[in-house]
Amino acid sequence: MTSLAEVNQRFTDQLREVDDLALIVLKGHLVMEGLMNDAIEAFLLHAEFADVARMRVSQKIALCRAISTSDQNNRMWEVISAINVVRNALSHSLDPERRARAIESLRKLYEEEFKHTPDAVNGIPKSVDGMPADMAVCLFAIGGCLGYLQAHLAEVRRLKERILEMDAAMNGSAMSRRPQD
């Protein structure tokens, strides 16, 4: 049986190390999820009902991918999913092996997707000012995903505008006269 002192020591040991990689992944993941929430809300005609679905991030990724007009097969969705796996490994486990496997999987996807990036070796930026490679991969993968998700959000908003225009032309509906998202 584990004593309270042992539990306290384990917790204190975890707090002693400032984990910049975890901070980058957790904060970046929150911003990514926010962009996906915005895209889902922009797409839906009655977004006020979406919160009751209480979707997991993996479901939000699938839904965002499904509402894409032309990028549903873009590999960036796999990179976004891999970042979610890294985030889950950091948030739901203290197992360093699980974390390492998740980051390695993200690294492979990142290298495949960004292999032609200027000033990079195998897709990993050359100059990261002493940042560990795992941290650099996570940082740059999240940055790429944020740009991708922002473009996705803009695409969804344009689609919603067309839908509201069609609704106004066909129905003169109050839906088309409500304030834009």
Protein backbone atom coordinates (compact mmCIF):
# COMPACT_ATOMS: atom_id res chain seq x y z
CA MET A 1 0.00 0.00 0.00
CA THR A 2 1.22 3.48 -0.82
CA SER A 3 1.50 5.84 2.12
CA LEU A 4 0.38 9.45 2.12
CA ALA A 5 4.02 10.48 2.51
CA GLU A 6 4.92 8.53 -0.64
CA VAL A 7 2.04 10.10 -2.55
CA ASN A 8 3.08 13.54 -1.33
CA GLN A 9 6.68 12.88 -2.37
CA ARG A 10 5.59 11.74 -5.82
CA PHE A 11 3.52 14.89 -6.26
CA THR A 12 6.34 17.11 -5.00
CA ASP A 13 8.79 15.41 -7.38
CA GLN A 14 6.46 16.17 -10.29
CA LEU A 15 6.25 19.84 -9.28
CA ARG A 16 10.02 20.29 -8.96
CA GLU A 17 10.55 19.97 -12.67
CA VAL A 18 9.20 22.80 -14.77
CA ASP A 19 8.10 20.96 -17.87
CA ASP A 20 8.24 23.48 -20.71
CA LEU A 21 7.30 20.82 -23.25
CA ALA A 22 4.10 20.01 -21.35
CA LEU A 23 3.29 23.70 -21.07
CA ILE A 24 3.76 24.20 -24.83
CA VAL A 25 1.61 21.19 -25.66
CA LEU A 26 -1.16 21.92 -23.15
CA LYS A 27 -1.46 25.62 -24.00
CA GLY A 28 -1.11 25.02 -27.74
CA HIS A 29 -3.73 22.28 -27.57
CA LEU A 30 -6.14 24.66 -25.83
CA VAL A 31 -5.73 27.24 -28.59
CA MET A 32 -6.17 24.54 -31.25
CA GLU A 33 -9.32 23.28 -29.55
CA GLY A 34 -10.62 26.85 -29.37
CA LEU A 35 -10.20 27.23 -33.14
CA MET A 36 -12.02 23.94 -33.71
CA ASN A 37 -14.84 25.08 -31.40
CA ASP A 38 -15.08 28.32 -33.37
CA ALA A 39 -15.25 26.41 -36.67
CA ILE A 40 -17.94 24.06 -35.40
CA GLU A 41 -19.99 26.94 -34.01
CA ALA A 42 -19.57 28.92 -37.23
CA PHE A 43 -20.71 25.96 -39.31
CA LEU A 44 -23.80 25.08 -37.32
CA LEU A 45 -27.03 26.91 -37.97
CA HIS A 46 -27.98 26.69 -34.30
CA ALA A 47 -24.70 26.46 -32.41
CA GLU A 48 -26.42 27.03 -29.09
CA PHE A 49 -27.31 23.32 -29.07
CA ALA A 50 -23.76 22.07 -29.65
CA ASP A 51 -22.55 22.33 -26.05
CA VAL A 52 -24.87 19.58 -24.87
CA ALA A 53 -22.99 17.13 -27.11
CA ARG A 54 -19.93 17.47 -24.84
CA MET A 55 -17.63 16.30 -27.61
CA ARG A 56 -14.15 14.98 -26.96
CA VAL A 57 -11.33 16.61 -28.91
CA SER A 58 -11.04 13.58 -31.19
CA GLN A 59 -14.71 14.05 -32.11
CA LYS A 60 -14.16 17.76 -32.74
CA ILE A 61 -11.27 16.91 -35.06
CA ALA A 62 -13.46 14.45 -36.98
CA LEU A 63 -16.31 16.97 -37.23
CA CYS A 64 -14.02 19.78 -38.39
CA ARG A 65 -12.56 17.44 -40.97
CA ALA A 66 -16.06 16.46 -42.08
CA ILE A 67 -17.15 20.08 -42.59
CA SER A 68 -14.11 20.95 -44.67
CA THR A 69 -15.09 21.81 -48.22
CA SER A 70 -11.89 20.55 -49.82
CA ASP A 71 -9.22 19.67 -47.25
CA GLN A 72 -10.82 16.66 -45.57
CA ASN A 73 -7.93 14.44 -46.72
CA ASN A 74 -5.15 16.86 -45.82
CA ARG A 75 -2.48 15.20 -43.65
CA MET A 76 -2.61 18.13 -41.25
CA TRP A 77 -5.63 16.45 -39.66
CA GLU A 78 -3.32 13.57 -38.74
CA VAL A 79 -0.81 16.02 -37.24
CA ILE A 80 -3.62 17.65 -35.24
CA SER A 81 -4.70 14.20 -34.02
CA ALA A 82 -1.10 13.33 -33.10
CA ILE A 83 -0.84 16.50 -31.00
CA ASN A 84 -4.04 15.42 -29.26
CA VAL A 85 -2.41 12.05 -28.50
CA VAL A 86 0.65 13.85 -27.05
CA ARG A 87 -1.62 16.05 -24.96
CA ASN A 88 -3.48 13.00 -23.68
CA ALA A 89 -0.20 11.29 -22.82
CA LEU A 90 0.84 14.35 -20.81
CA SER A 91 -2.53 14.94 -19.17
CA HIS A 92 -3.55 11.41 -18.30
CA SER A 93 -0.30 9.66 -17.49
CA LEU A 94 3.06 10.14 -15.82
CA ASP A 95 4.50 7.30 -17.91
CA PRO A 96 7.56 8.69 -19.72
CA GLU A 97 7.42 5.87 -22.28
CA ARG A 98 3.87 6.77 -23.31
CA ARG A 99 4.96 10.39 -23.67
CA ALA A 100 8.02 9.43 -25.72
CA ARG A 101 5.99 7.19 -28.06
CA ALA A 102 3.41 9.92 -28.64
CA ILE A 103 6.07 12.54 -29.39
CA GLU A 104 7.93 10.15 -31.71
CA SER A 105 4.74 9.52 -33.65
CA LEU A 106 4.15 13.29 -33.91
CA ARG A 107 7.76 13.80 -35.02
CA LYS A 108 7.38 11.30 -37.86
CA LEU A 109 4.18 12.92 -39.11
CA TYR A 110 5.70 16.38 -38.77
CA GLU A 111 8.79 15.39 -40.74
CA GLU A 112 6.65 13.89 -43.52
CA GLU A 113 4.39 16.92 -43.73
CA PHE A 114 7.07 19.61 -43.45
CA LYS A 115 10.09 17.90 -45.03
CA HIS A 116 10.56 20.67 -47.59
CA THR A 117 10.67 23.47 -45.05
CA PRO A 118 13.62 25.82 -45.74
CA ASP A 119 16.38 25.85 -43.13
CA ALA A 120 15.36 22.49 -41.72
CA VAL A 121 16.87 19.04 -41.43
CA ASN A 122 14.19 16.37 -41.93
CA GLY A 123 11.57 19.04 -41.34
CA ILE A 124 12.98 20.05 -37.94
CA PRO A 125 14.15 23.69 -37.86
CA LYS A 126 17.92 24.01 -37.54
CA SER A 127 18.03 26.97 -35.17
CA VAL A 128 15.92 26.65 -32.09
CA ASP A 129 18.32 28.29 -29.62
CA GLY A 130 19.20 25.20 -27.62
CA MET A 131 15.63 23.95 -27.37
CA PRO A 132 15.45 20.16 -27.03
CA ALA A 133 14.38 18.39 -30.24
CA ASP A 134 11.15 17.02 -28.73
CA MET A 135 10.11 20.48 -27.62
CA ALA A 136 10.98 21.99 -31.01
CA VAL A 137 8.90 19.37 -32.84
CA CYS A 138 5.90 20.03 -30.61
CA LEU A 139 6.27 23.80 -30.86
CA PHE A 140 6.56 23.86 -34.64
CA ALA A 141 3.88 21.21 -35.20
CA ILE A 142 1.46 23.19 -33.05
CA GLY A 143 2.38 26.39 -34.89
CA GLY A 144 1.68 24.73 -38.23
CA CYS A 145 -1.61 23.35 -36.96
CA LEU A 146 -2.70 26.73 -35.62
CA GLY A 147 -2.18 28.27 -39.06
CA TYR A 148 -4.02 25.40 -40.70
CA LEU A 149 -6.95 25.58 -38.27
CA GLN A 150 -7.22 29.34 -38.69
CA ALA A 151 -7.47 28.88 -42.47
CA HIS A 152 -10.07 26.14 -41.88
CA LEU A 153 -12.09 28.52 -39.69
CA ALA A 154 -12.00 31.19 -42.43
CA GLU A 155 -13.20 28.58 -44.95
CA VAL A 156 -16.07 27.54 -42.70
CA ARG A 157 -17.09 31.15 -42.13
CA ARG A 158 -17.17 31.76 -45.91
CA LEU A 159 -19.34 28.66 -46.34
CA LYS A 160 -21.71 29.85 -43.61
CA GLU A 161 -22.02 33.23 -45.36
CA ARG A 162 -23.08 31.46 -48.58
CA ILE A 163 -25.61 29.35 -46.69
CA LEU A 164 -27.13 32.44 -45.06
CA GLU A 165 -27.25 34.18 -48.46
CA MET A 166 -29.09 31.19 -49.94
CA ASP A 167 -31.47 31.13 -47.00
CA ALA A 168 -32.23 34.83 -47.46
CA ALA A 169 -32.78 34.43 -51.21
CA MET A 170 -34.94 31.33 -50.89
CA ASN A 171 -36.78 31.90 -47.64
CA GLY A 172 -36.27 35.45 -46.47
CA SER A 173 -35.68 33.67 -43.17
CA ALA A 174 -34.89 35.33 -39.90
CA MET A 175 -31.83 33.08 -39.80
CA SER A 176 -30.22 35.14 -42.55
CA ARG A 177 -30.86 38.37 -40.64
CA ARG A 178 -29.22 37.36 -37.37
CA PRO A 179 -25.83 38.90 -36.48
CA GLN A 180 -22.84 37.18 -38.04
CA ASP A 181 -20.52 35.03 -35.91
